[in-house]
Amino acid sequence: MVEQLDPRRTALLVIDMQRGAFEGGDERARLLAASGIVERLAQVVAAARARGVAIIYVLNSRRADGADQVTLPVQGGMAGG
């Protein structure tokens, strides 16, 4: 049995896909760019939009002085944050 989602009761949440995460030469930016996530997400967004699904973008913002930035502990060899 294939489950169908009702577009009137479904939303697509796009979280933390800011351009800045992909810019620069750091390892995280290189990994994100190489992963193909932008292209795959564009396909998902287009499919959701074609079906009338609400698309909600959640953007991360910080104060210019970084005072509201939380530093996370390192887990599994990769720094969070």
Protein backbone atom coordinates (compact mmCIF):
# COMPACT_ATOMS: atom_id res chain seq x y z
CA MET A 1 0.00 0.00 0.00
CA VAL A 2 1.36 3.43 -0.98
CA GLU A 3 0.66 6.24 1.47
CA GLN A 4 -0.37 9.56 -0.07
CA LEU A 5 0.27 12.89 1.62
CA ASP A 6 -2.49 15.47 1.54
CA PRO A 7 -0.90 18.73 0.29
CA ARG A 8 -3.47 20.72 2.28
CA ARG A 9 -2.11 19.16 5.48
CA THR A 10 1.55 18.81 4.53
CA ALA A 11 4.50 21.20 4.67
CA LEU A 12 8.09 20.94 3.52
CA LEU A 13 10.54 22.48 6.01
CA VAL A 14 13.85 23.65 4.55
CA ILE A 15 16.21 24.27 7.44
CA ASP A 16 19.66 25.89 7.41
CA MET A 17 20.24 26.13 3.68
CA GLN A 18 21.91 29.55 3.76
CA ARG A 19 24.28 30.46 0.95
CA GLY A 20 27.05 31.26 3.46
CA ALA A 21 27.33 27.60 4.44
CA PHE A 22 28.46 26.79 0.90
CA GLU A 23 30.77 29.74 0.39
CA GLY A 24 34.38 29.87 1.45
CA GLY A 25 37.06 27.29 1.30
CA ASP A 26 36.57 25.52 4.62
CA GLU A 27 36.04 21.77 4.82
CA ARG A 28 32.34 22.06 5.67
CA ALA A 29 31.65 24.21 2.59
CA ARG A 30 33.55 21.77 0.36
CA LEU A 31 31.67 18.77 1.78
CA LEU A 32 28.28 20.45 1.35
CA ALA A 33 29.05 21.49 -2.22
CA ALA A 34 30.29 17.99 -3.11
CA SER A 35 27.28 16.28 -1.51
CA GLY A 36 24.83 17.46 -4.18
CA ILE A 37 22.33 18.48 -1.51
CA VAL A 38 21.44 21.75 -3.24
CA GLU A 39 20.49 20.02 -6.47
CA ARG A 40 18.50 17.29 -4.70
CA LEU A 41 16.71 19.82 -2.50
CA ALA A 42 15.81 21.89 -5.57
CA GLN A 43 14.11 18.79 -7.02
CA VAL A 44 12.20 18.15 -3.78
CA VAL A 45 11.08 21.79 -3.56
CA ALA A 46 9.94 21.78 -7.20
CA ALA A 47 7.95 18.57 -6.67
CA ALA A 48 6.36 19.91 -3.48
CA ARG A 49 5.50 23.22 -5.13
CA ALA A 50 3.93 21.42 -8.13
CA ARG A 51 1.66 19.53 -5.72
CA GLY A 52 0.62 22.62 -3.78
CA VAL A 53 2.57 21.76 -0.62
CA ALA A 54 3.46 24.69 1.66
CA ILE A 55 7.21 25.32 1.72
CA ILE A 56 8.64 26.87 4.86
CA TYR A 57 12.21 28.18 4.94
CA VAL A 58 13.88 28.42 8.36
CA LEU A 59 16.88 30.72 8.31
CA ASN A 60 19.54 31.05 10.95
CA SER A 61 20.68 34.55 11.87
CA ARG A 62 23.22 35.86 14.34
CA ARG A 63 24.26 39.16 15.81
CA ALA A 64 27.19 40.80 14.04
CA ASP A 65 29.30 40.60 17.20
CA GLY A 66 28.62 36.85 17.59
CA ALA A 67 27.37 37.28 21.16
CA ASP A 68 24.40 35.00 20.47
CA GLN A 69 26.53 32.26 18.88
CA VAL A 70 26.58 29.00 20.79
CA THR A 71 29.75 26.92 20.65
CA LEU A 72 28.96 23.22 20.63
CA PRO A 73 31.31 20.51 21.83
CA VAL A 74 33.12 18.47 19.22
CA GLN A 75 31.43 15.15 18.48
CA GLY A 76 32.75 12.38 16.29
CA GLY A 77 35.72 14.47 15.19
CA MET A 78 33.61 17.26 13.65
CA ALA A 79 33.00 20.58 15.34
CA GLY A 80 29.36 21.62 15.69
CA GLY A 81 27.93 25.07 15.23
